[in-house]
Amino acid sequence: MLRLKGVRKVFNQGTINENIALKGLDLELATGDFVTIIGSNGAGKSTLLNSIAGSFGIDAGKIVIDELDVTGKPDYKRAGLIGRVFQDPLQGTAASMTIEENLAMAAVRGKKRGLKIGVNKERRAEFKEYLSLLGLGLEDRLTDKVGLLSGGQRQSLTLLMATIAKPKVLLLDEHTAALDPKTAEQVIQLTKKIVVKNNLTVLMVTHDLNQALNMGNRTIMMDSGEIVLDIKNPARKHMTVDDLLDKFAQKKGKELMNDRILLAQ
């Protein structure tokens, strides 16, 4: 479903601030794979997601989604293939628009748009059904402005919007990091439910090593723009956080030094 071959990205190339963010990275995901991504700051995690999403061009390599080469395509040309949820709950929704208007936009993401009414009786019933998955009562608030919702409600809605059109690949960029622990756990459980329901192929960045080992079927660890560990089930099922840190130290000859990751354990 997703194949990256020799993907390289350099920022500020040829200057004193040159930063090689991705160093010829190779990665393949089969349909239905749920891959968690971990690594310290500057490891290349967000750059990897941005490269897949088309937020910027890559300097070398190839990106293929569902056998379609999207390497040179901008983000809006990939919109129908990719769903994405960011860390900031405010980033994925339009606050001044209603819940049903936000969902209507998400439902036609990446598709040609005509002059039909965005929200009709049939579409409204469909939205109510989708919203009922959240268990937040939002199906009874379709005409409320999204700006009235809490951070957790908005992030849950964003997750629904990112998956309503059943994307080929779902990108989750620390999508619970800005939420309180209770709300974050609710969004995680919702994520699992939606991913299983739609058999989605997922890449999820997280700083929580326990979460990385407990979600999905595969964990990769990045460092300095490279994938240094790629651990799949069933071997991953019995792995502890200490095992993961030991493997990293053996591979790199150094311990993982990142306060945010280590404090999350």
C-alpha atoms as a PDB file:
ATOM      1  CA  MET A   1       0.000   0.000   0.000  1.00  0.00           C
ATOM      2  CA  LEU A   2       2.928   2.341   0.694  1.00  0.00           C
ATOM      3  CA  ARG A   3       6.471   2.093  -0.626  1.00  0.00           C
ATOM      4  CA  LEU A   4       9.350   4.509  -0.094  1.00  0.00           C
ATOM      5  CA  LYS A   5      12.620   3.892  -1.891  1.00  0.00           C
ATOM      6  CA  GLY A   6      15.783   5.893  -1.259  1.00  0.00           C
ATOM      7  CA  VAL A   7      13.902   8.922   0.067  1.00  0.00           C
ATOM      8  CA  ARG A   8      16.266  11.783   0.853  1.00  0.00           C
ATOM      9  CA  LYS A   9      15.413  15.237   2.180  1.00  0.00           C
ATOM     10  CA  VAL A  10      17.907  18.011   2.882  1.00  0.00           C
ATOM     11  CA  PHE A  11      16.985  21.354   4.420  1.00  0.00           C
ATOM     12  CA  ASN A  12      19.106  24.482   3.821  1.00  0.00           C
ATOM     13  CA  GLN A  13      21.240  22.583   1.348  1.00  0.00           C
ATOM     14  CA  GLY A  14      24.651  24.099   0.661  1.00  0.00           C
ATOM     15  CA  THR A  15      24.526  26.424   3.660  1.00  0.00           C
ATOM     16  CA  ILE A  16      26.126  26.356   7.095  1.00  0.00           C
ATOM     17  CA  ASN A  17      22.739  25.201   8.453  1.00  0.00           C
ATOM     18  CA  GLU A  18      22.426  22.200   6.114  1.00  0.00           C
ATOM     19  CA  ASN A  19      20.430  19.399   7.701  1.00  0.00           C
ATOM     20  CA  ILE A  20      20.036  15.964   6.109  1.00  0.00           C
ATOM     21  CA  ALA A  21      16.645  15.041   7.549  1.00  0.00           C
ATOM     22  CA  LEU A  22      16.147  11.771   5.632  1.00  0.00           C
ATOM     23  CA  LYS A  23      19.122   9.726   4.415  1.00  0.00           C
ATOM     24  CA  GLY A  24      17.953   7.525   1.547  1.00  0.00           C
ATOM     25  CA  LEU A  25      15.176   5.927   3.587  1.00  0.00           C
ATOM     26  CA  ASP A  26      13.459   2.684   2.477  1.00  0.00           C
ATOM     27  CA  LEU A  27      10.087   1.598   3.888  1.00  0.00           C
ATOM     28  CA  GLU A  28       7.220  -0.665   2.795  1.00  0.00           C
ATOM     29  CA  LEU A  29       3.775  -1.095   4.342  1.00  0.00           C
ATOM     30  CA  ALA A  30       1.267  -3.765   3.339  1.00  0.00           C
ATOM     31  CA  THR A  31      -2.450  -3.049   3.316  1.00  0.00           C
ATOM     32  CA  GLY A  32      -3.717  -2.956   6.911  1.00  0.00           C
ATOM     33  CA  ASP A  33      -0.287  -2.456   8.503  1.00  0.00           C
ATOM     34  CA  PHE A  34      -0.352  -0.206  11.578  1.00  0.00           C
ATOM     35  CA  VAL A  35       3.182   1.065  12.143  1.00  0.00           C
ATOM     36  CA  THR A  36       4.199   3.167  15.144  1.00  0.00           C
ATOM     37  CA  ILE A  37       7.213   5.465  14.762  1.00  0.00           C
ATOM     38  CA  ILE A  38       9.468   6.529  17.612  1.00  0.00           C
ATOM     39  CA  GLY A  39      12.715   8.452  17.897  1.00  0.00           C
ATOM     40  CA  SER A  40      14.301  11.482  19.518  1.00  0.00           C
ATOM     41  CA  ASN A  41      13.837  15.076  18.375  1.00  0.00           C
ATOM     42  CA  GLY A  42      15.384  15.562  14.950  1.00  0.00           C
ATOM     43  CA  ALA A  43      15.236  11.853  14.102  1.00  0.00           C
ATOM     44  CA  GLY A  44      13.167  12.583  10.983  1.00  0.00           C
ATOM     45  CA  LYS A  45       9.736  11.364  12.100  1.00  0.00           C
ATOM     46  CA  SER A  46       7.679  14.396  11.091  1.00  0.00           C
ATOM     47  CA  THR A  47       9.804  14.909   7.972  1.00  0.00           C
ATOM     48  CA  LEU A  48       8.899  11.367   6.961  1.00  0.00           C
ATOM     49  CA  LEU A  49       5.163  12.067   7.325  1.00  0.00           C
ATOM     50  CA  ASN A  50       5.478  15.417   5.538  1.00  0.00           C
ATOM     51  CA  SER A  51       7.300  13.729   2.665  1.00  0.00           C
ATOM     52  CA  ILE A  52       4.552  11.124   2.286  1.00  0.00           C
ATOM     53  CA  ALA A  53       1.833  13.779   2.510  1.00  0.00           C
ATOM     54  CA  GLY A  54       3.555  15.975  -0.100  1.00  0.00           C
ATOM     55  CA  SER A  55       3.935  18.956   2.236  1.00  0.00           C
ATOM     56  CA  PHE A  56       7.272  19.518   0.498  1.00  0.00           C
ATOM     57  CA  GLY A  57       9.221  17.848  -2.279  1.00  0.00           C
ATOM     58  CA  ILE A  58      11.943  15.293  -1.630  1.00  0.00           C
ATOM     59  CA  ASP A  59      15.472  15.627  -3.041  1.00  0.00           C
ATOM     60  CA  ALA A  60      15.819  12.010  -4.155  1.00  0.00           C
ATOM     61  CA  GLY A  61      13.941   8.709  -4.117  1.00  0.00           C
ATOM     62  CA  LYS A  62      10.428   7.540  -4.862  1.00  0.00           C
ATOM     63  CA  ILE A  63       7.108   7.431  -2.990  1.00  0.00           C
ATOM     64  CA  VAL A  64       4.380   5.045  -4.195  1.00  0.00           C
ATOM     65  CA  ILE A  65       0.882   4.769  -2.683  1.00  0.00           C
ATOM     66  CA  ASP A  66      -1.327   1.883  -3.814  1.00  0.00           C
ATOM     67  CA  GLU A  67       0.846   1.422  -6.934  1.00  0.00           C
ATOM     68  CA  LEU A  68       0.529   5.124  -7.837  1.00  0.00           C
ATOM     69  CA  ASP A  69       3.823   7.039  -8.010  1.00  0.00           C
ATOM     70  CA  VAL A  70       3.147  10.306  -6.157  1.00  0.00           C
ATOM     71  CA  THR A  71       6.783  11.425  -5.857  1.00  0.00           C
ATOM     72  CA  GLY A  72       6.412  14.661  -7.799  1.00  0.00           C
ATOM     73  CA  LYS A  73       2.806  15.403  -6.856  1.00  0.00           C
ATOM     74  CA  PRO A  74       1.940  18.269  -4.437  1.00  0.00           C
ATOM     75  CA  ASP A  75      -0.133  17.651  -1.324  1.00  0.00           C
ATOM     76  CA  TYR A  76      -3.479  18.583  -2.901  1.00  0.00           C
ATOM     77  CA  LYS A  77      -2.937  15.957  -5.622  1.00  0.00           C
ATOM     78  CA  ARG A  78      -2.427  13.303  -2.911  1.00  0.00           C
ATOM     79  CA  ALA A  79      -5.382  14.453  -0.802  1.00  0.00           C
ATOM     80  CA  GLY A  80      -7.663  11.635  -1.911  1.00  0.00           C
ATOM     81  CA  LEU A  81      -5.072   9.035  -0.900  1.00  0.00           C
ATOM     82  CA  ILE A  82      -4.010  10.354   2.499  1.00  0.00           C
ATOM     83  CA  GLY A  83      -5.751  11.193   5.765  1.00  0.00           C
ATOM     84  CA  ARG A  84      -3.809  13.079   8.420  1.00  0.00           C
ATOM     85  CA  VAL A  85      -4.250  14.123  12.042  1.00  0.00           C
ATOM     86  CA  PHE A  86      -1.824  16.620  13.588  1.00  0.00           C
ATOM     87  CA  GLN A  87      -0.759  17.164  17.195  1.00  0.00           C
ATOM     88  CA  ASP A  88      -2.689  20.422  17.498  1.00  0.00           C
ATOM     89  CA  PRO A  89      -6.447  19.736  17.886  1.00  0.00           C
ATOM     90  CA  LEU A  90      -7.186  23.119  16.270  1.00  0.00           C
ATOM     91  CA  GLN A  91      -5.294  22.346  13.060  1.00  0.00           C
ATOM     92  CA  GLY A  92      -7.596  19.797  11.442  1.00  0.00           C
ATOM     93  CA  THR A  93     -10.931  21.623  11.600  1.00  0.00           C
ATOM     94  CA  ALA A  94     -12.466  24.957  10.572  1.00  0.00           C
ATOM     95  CA  ALA A  95     -13.654  26.618  13.790  1.00  0.00           C
ATOM     96  CA  SER A  96     -16.115  29.025  12.156  1.00  0.00           C
ATOM     97  CA  MET A  97     -17.925  26.258  10.286  1.00  0.00           C
ATOM     98  CA  THR A  98     -20.429  23.776  11.702  1.00  0.00           C
ATOM     99  CA  ILE A  99     -19.720  20.131  12.461  1.00  0.00           C
ATOM    100  CA  GLU A 100     -21.702  18.972   9.419  1.00  0.00           C
ATOM    101  CA  GLU A 101     -19.950  21.514   7.158  1.00  0.00           C
ATOM    102  CA  ASN A 102     -16.553  20.263   8.302  1.00  0.00           C
ATOM    103  CA  LEU A 103     -17.596  16.677   7.614  1.00  0.00           C
ATOM    104  CA  ALA A 104     -18.997  17.634   4.205  1.00  0.00           C
ATOM    105  CA  MET A 105     -15.617  19.111   3.214  1.00  0.00           C
ATOM    106  CA  ALA A 106     -13.770  16.048   4.477  1.00  0.00           C
ATOM    107  CA  ALA A 107     -16.073  13.659   2.595  1.00  0.00           C
ATOM    108  CA  VAL A 108     -15.123  15.151  -0.789  1.00  0.00           C
ATOM    109  CA  ARG A 109     -11.428  15.620  -0.029  1.00  0.00           C
ATOM    110  CA  GLY A 110      -9.380  14.907  -3.147  1.00  0.00           C
ATOM    111  CA  LYS A 111     -12.492  14.575  -5.335  1.00  0.00           C
ATOM    112  CA  LYS A 112     -13.886  16.834  -8.044  1.00  0.00           C
ATOM    113  CA  ARG A 113     -16.472  19.183  -6.619  1.00  0.00           C
ATOM    114  CA  GLY A 114     -19.628  20.276  -8.357  1.00  0.00           C
ATOM    115  CA  LEU A 115     -22.396  22.697  -7.466  1.00  0.00           C
ATOM    116  CA  LYS A 116     -24.488  20.256  -5.431  1.00  0.00           C
ATOM    117  CA  ILE A 117     -25.540  21.153  -1.905  1.00  0.00           C
ATOM    118  CA  GLY A 118     -22.833  19.994   0.501  1.00  0.00           C
ATOM    119  CA  VAL A 119     -25.218  18.803   3.212  1.00  0.00           C
ATOM    120  CA  ASN A 120     -28.538  17.222   2.277  1.00  0.00           C
ATOM    121  CA  LYS A 121     -30.912  14.938   4.178  1.00  0.00           C
ATOM    122  CA  GLU A 122     -29.145  11.760   3.071  1.00  0.00           C
ATOM    123  CA  ARG A 123     -25.670  13.123   3.847  1.00  0.00           C
ATOM    124  CA  ARG A 124     -26.825  14.411   7.238  1.00  0.00           C
ATOM    125  CA  ALA A 125     -28.048  10.916   8.210  1.00  0.00           C
ATOM    126  CA  GLU A 126     -24.679   9.507   7.139  1.00  0.00           C
ATOM    127  CA  PHE A 127     -22.836  12.079   9.266  1.00  0.00           C
ATOM    128  CA  LYS A 128     -24.971  11.227  12.298  1.00  0.00           C
ATOM    129  CA  GLU A 129     -24.041   7.573  11.909  1.00  0.00           C
ATOM    130  CA  TYR A 130     -20.327   8.389  11.692  1.00  0.00           C
ATOM    131  CA  LEU A 131     -20.449  10.748  14.671  1.00  0.00           C
ATOM    132  CA  SER A 132     -22.183   8.149  16.824  1.00  0.00           C
ATOM    133  CA  LEU A 133     -18.916   6.179  16.702  1.00  0.00           C
ATOM    134  CA  LEU A 134     -17.328   8.855  18.861  1.00  0.00           C
ATOM    135  CA  GLY A 135     -19.721   8.363  21.765  1.00  0.00           C
ATOM    136  CA  LEU A 136     -19.608  12.109  22.459  1.00  0.00           C
ATOM    137  CA  GLY A 137     -23.161  13.072  21.517  1.00  0.00           C
ATOM    138  CA  LEU A 138     -21.944  15.154  18.572  1.00  0.00           C
ATOM    139  CA  GLU A 139     -24.473  13.462  16.287  1.00  0.00           C
ATOM    140  CA  ASP A 140     -27.077  15.678  17.971  1.00  0.00           C
ATOM    141  CA  ARG A 141     -25.008  18.848  17.452  1.00  0.00           C
ATOM    142  CA  LEU A 142     -24.511  18.859  13.670  1.00  0.00           C
ATOM    143  CA  THR A 143     -25.231  22.587  13.321  1.00  0.00           C
ATOM    144  CA  ASP A 144     -22.968  23.681  16.203  1.00  0.00           C
ATOM    145  CA  LYS A 145     -19.839  25.635  15.310  1.00  0.00           C
ATOM    146  CA  VAL A 146     -16.708  23.519  15.717  1.00  0.00           C
ATOM    147  CA  GLY A 147     -15.086  26.368  17.659  1.00  0.00           C
ATOM    148  CA  LEU A 148     -17.467  25.565  20.544  1.00  0.00           C
ATOM    149  CA  LEU A 149     -16.003  22.073  21.017  1.00  0.00           C
ATOM    150  CA  SER A 150     -13.324  21.071  23.523  1.00  0.00           C
ATOM    151  CA  GLY A 151      -9.830  20.065  22.397  1.00  0.00           C
ATOM    152  CA  GLY A 152     -10.635  16.379  22.794  1.00  0.00           C
ATOM    153  CA  GLN A 153     -13.908  16.696  20.889  1.00  0.00           C
ATOM    154  CA  ARG A 154     -12.174  18.552  18.060  1.00  0.00           C
ATOM    155  CA  GLN A 155      -9.384  15.980  17.827  1.00  0.00           C
ATOM    156  CA  SER A 156     -11.948  13.167  17.756  1.00  0.00           C
ATOM    157  CA  LEU A 157     -13.815  14.994  14.995  1.00  0.00           C
ATOM    158  CA  THR A 158     -10.532  15.532  13.114  1.00  0.00           C
ATOM    159  CA  LEU A 159      -9.830  11.802  13.279  1.00  0.00           C
ATOM    160  CA  LEU A 160     -13.278  11.097  11.873  1.00  0.00           C
ATOM    161  CA  MET A 161     -12.759  13.684   9.127  1.00  0.00           C
ATOM    162  CA  ALA A 162      -9.379  12.175   8.207  1.00  0.00           C
ATOM    163  CA  THR A 163     -10.931   8.738   7.720  1.00  0.00           C
ATOM    164  CA  ILE A 164     -14.459   9.435   6.436  1.00  0.00           C
ATOM    165  CA  ALA A 165     -13.335   9.083   2.803  1.00  0.00           C
ATOM    166  CA  LYS A 166     -11.396   5.876   3.631  1.00  0.00           C
ATOM    167  CA  PRO A 167      -7.881   7.030   2.670  1.00  0.00           C
ATOM    168  CA  LYS A 168      -5.250   4.596   1.434  1.00  0.00           C
ATOM    169  CA  VAL A 169      -2.854   5.760   4.178  1.00  0.00           C
ATOM    170  CA  LEU A 170      -3.590   7.443   7.524  1.00  0.00           C
ATOM    171  CA  LEU A 171      -0.841   9.602   9.066  1.00  0.00           C
ATOM    172  CA  LEU A 172      -1.050  10.327  12.804  1.00  0.00           C
ATOM    173  CA  ASP A 173       1.514  12.855  14.027  1.00  0.00           C
ATOM    174  CA  GLU A 174       1.508  12.603  17.856  1.00  0.00           C
ATOM    175  CA  HIS A 175      -2.235  13.171  17.658  1.00  0.00           C
ATOM    176  CA  THR A 176      -2.831  12.723  21.404  1.00  0.00           C
ATOM    177  CA  ALA A 177       0.224  14.604  22.726  1.00  0.00           C
ATOM    178  CA  ALA A 178      -1.644  17.884  23.347  1.00  0.00           C
ATOM    179  CA  LEU A 179      -4.522  16.223  25.240  1.00  0.00           C
ATOM    180  CA  ASP A 180      -4.899  15.431  28.928  1.00  0.00           C
ATOM    181  CA  PRO A 181      -4.284  11.740  29.813  1.00  0.00           C
ATOM    182  CA  LYS A 182      -7.963  10.785  30.092  1.00  0.00           C
ATOM    183  CA  THR A 183      -8.933  12.443  26.804  1.00  0.00           C
ATOM    184  CA  ALA A 184      -5.818  11.077  25.099  1.00  0.00           C
ATOM    185  CA  GLU A 185      -6.805   7.532  26.071  1.00  0.00           C
ATOM    186  CA  GLN A 186     -10.316   8.083  24.686  1.00  0.00           C
ATOM    187  CA  VAL A 187      -8.854   9.256  21.361  1.00  0.00           C
ATOM    188  CA  ILE A 188      -6.485   6.253  21.291  1.00  0.00           C
ATOM    189  CA  GLN A 189      -9.381   3.835  21.784  1.00  0.00           C
ATOM    190  CA  LEU A 190     -11.331   5.648  19.069  1.00  0.00           C
ATOM    191  CA  THR A 191      -8.297   5.402  16.772  1.00  0.00           C
ATOM    192  CA  LYS A 192      -8.148   1.632  17.237  1.00  0.00           C
ATOM    193  CA  LYS A 193     -11.874   1.301  16.549  1.00  0.00           C
ATOM    194  CA  ILE A 194     -11.810   3.361  13.333  1.00  0.00           C
ATOM    195  CA  VAL A 195      -8.630   1.710  12.016  1.00  0.00           C
ATOM    196  CA  VAL A 196     -10.047  -1.797  12.508  1.00  0.00           C
ATOM    197  CA  LYS A 197     -13.477  -0.861  11.130  1.00  0.00           C
ATOM    198  CA  ASN A 198     -11.988   0.500   7.889  1.00  0.00           C
ATOM    199  CA  ASN A 199      -8.896  -1.765   7.663  1.00  0.00           C
ATOM    200  CA  LEU A 200      -6.688   1.315   7.318  1.00  0.00           C
ATOM    201  CA  THR A 201      -2.951   1.395   6.674  1.00  0.00           C
ATOM    202  CA  VAL A 202      -1.430   3.628   9.351  1.00  0.00           C
ATOM    203  CA  LEU A 203       1.789   5.410  10.261  1.00  0.00           C
ATOM    204  CA  MET A 204       1.624   6.860  13.785  1.00  0.00           C
ATOM    205  CA  VAL A 205       4.344   8.996  15.378  1.00  0.00           C
ATOM    206  CA  THR A 206       4.423   8.823  19.169  1.00  0.00           C
ATOM    207  CA  HIS A 207       6.857   9.718  21.956  1.00  0.00           C
ATOM    208  CA  ASP A 208       5.347   7.081  24.273  1.00  0.00           C
ATOM    209  CA  LEU A 209       7.331   3.844  23.968  1.00  0.00           C
ATOM    210  CA  ASN A 210       4.660   1.786  25.753  1.00  0.00           C
ATOM    211  CA  GLN A 211       2.059   3.088  23.318  1.00  0.00           C
ATOM    212  CA  ALA A 212       4.411   2.342  20.424  1.00  0.00           C
ATOM    213  CA  LEU A 213       4.711  -1.305  21.462  1.00  0.00           C
ATOM    214  CA  ASN A 214       1.037  -1.774  22.335  1.00  0.00           C
ATOM    215  CA  MET A 215      -0.569  -0.293  19.227  1.00  0.00           C
ATOM    216  CA  GLY A 216      -0.539  -1.726  15.741  1.00  0.00           C
ATOM    217  CA  ASN A 217       1.536  -4.638  14.471  1.00  0.00           C
ATOM    218  CA  ARG A 218       4.933  -3.050  13.874  1.00  0.00           C
ATOM    219  CA  THR A 219       7.265  -0.466  15.421  1.00  0.00           C
ATOM    220  CA  ILE A 220      10.097   1.404  13.737  1.00  0.00           C
ATOM    221  CA  MET A 221      12.661   3.559  15.515  1.00  0.00           C
ATOM    222  CA  MET A 222      14.345   6.413  13.683  1.00  0.00           C
ATOM    223  CA  ASP A 223      17.597   8.201  14.418  1.00  0.00           C
ATOM    224  CA  SER A 224      19.364  10.913  12.403  1.00  0.00           C
ATOM    225  CA  GLY A 225      17.158  10.438   9.352  1.00  0.00           C
ATOM    226  CA  GLU A 226      17.417   6.636   9.221  1.00  0.00           C
ATOM    227  CA  ILE A 227      15.346   3.654  10.351  1.00  0.00           C
ATOM    228  CA  VAL A 228      17.567   1.881  12.869  1.00  0.00           C
ATOM    229  CA  LEU A 229      15.046  -0.659  14.179  1.00  0.00           C
ATOM    230  CA  ASP A 230      12.054  -2.320  12.483  1.00  0.00           C
ATOM    231  CA  ILE A 231      10.284  -4.705  14.860  1.00  0.00           C
ATOM    232  CA  LYS A 232       7.223  -6.684  13.793  1.00  0.00           C
ATOM    233  CA  ASN A 233       4.777  -9.017  15.470  1.00  0.00           C
ATOM    234  CA  PRO A 234       4.982 -11.686  16.800  1.00  0.00           C
ATOM    235  CA  ALA A 235       8.474 -10.769  18.126  1.00  0.00           C
ATOM    236  CA  ARG A 236       7.263  -7.312  19.178  1.00  0.00           C
ATOM    237  CA  LYS A 237       4.410  -8.721  21.305  1.00  0.00           C
ATOM    238  CA  HIS A 238       6.756  -9.888  24.049  1.00  0.00           C
ATOM    239  CA  MET A 239       9.110  -6.893  23.904  1.00  0.00           C
ATOM    240  CA  THR A 240       9.359  -4.470  26.829  1.00  0.00           C
ATOM    241  CA  VAL A 241      10.434  -0.825  26.747  1.00  0.00           C
ATOM    242  CA  ASP A 242      13.767  -1.841  28.307  1.00  0.00           C
ATOM    243  CA  ASP A 243      14.243  -4.418  25.531  1.00  0.00           C
ATOM    244  CA  LEU A 244      13.576  -1.721  22.952  1.00  0.00           C
ATOM    245  CA  LEU A 245      16.047   0.713  24.522  1.00  0.00           C
ATOM    246  CA  ASP A 246      18.678  -2.053  24.776  1.00  0.00           C
ATOM    247  CA  LYS A 247      18.239  -2.897  21.077  1.00  0.00           C
ATOM    248  CA  PHE A 248      18.678   0.758  20.172  1.00  0.00           C
ATOM    249  CA  ALA A 249      21.854   1.008  22.275  1.00  0.00           C
ATOM    250  CA  GLN A 250      23.269  -2.148  20.667  1.00  0.00           C
ATOM    251  CA  LYS A 251      22.476  -0.881  17.186  1.00  0.00           C
ATOM    252  CA  LYS A 252      23.758   2.670  17.597  1.00  0.00           C
ATOM    253  CA  GLY A 253      26.431   2.178  20.241  1.00  0.00           C
ATOM    254  CA  LYS A 254      24.790   4.831  22.416  1.00  0.00           C
ATOM    255  CA  GLU A 255      21.779   5.182  24.688  1.00  0.00           C
ATOM    256  CA  LEU A 256      18.633   6.991  23.617  1.00  0.00           C
ATOM    257  CA  MET A 257      18.811  10.428  25.168  1.00  0.00           C
ATOM    258  CA  ASN A 258      15.475  12.173  24.942  1.00  0.00           C
ATOM    259  CA  ASP A 259      13.771  13.509  28.053  1.00  0.00           C
ATOM    260  CA  ARG A 260      10.317  13.665  26.501  1.00  0.00           C
ATOM    261  CA  ILE A 261      10.398  10.011  25.485  1.00  0.00           C
ATOM    262  CA  LEU A 262      11.943   8.738  28.701  1.00  0.00           C
ATOM    263  CA  LEU A 263       9.645  10.772  30.974  1.00  0.00           C
ATOM    264  CA  ALA A 264       6.616   9.292  29.197  1.00  0.00           C
ATOM    265  CA  GLN A 265       7.502   5.793  30.429  1.00  0.00           C
END
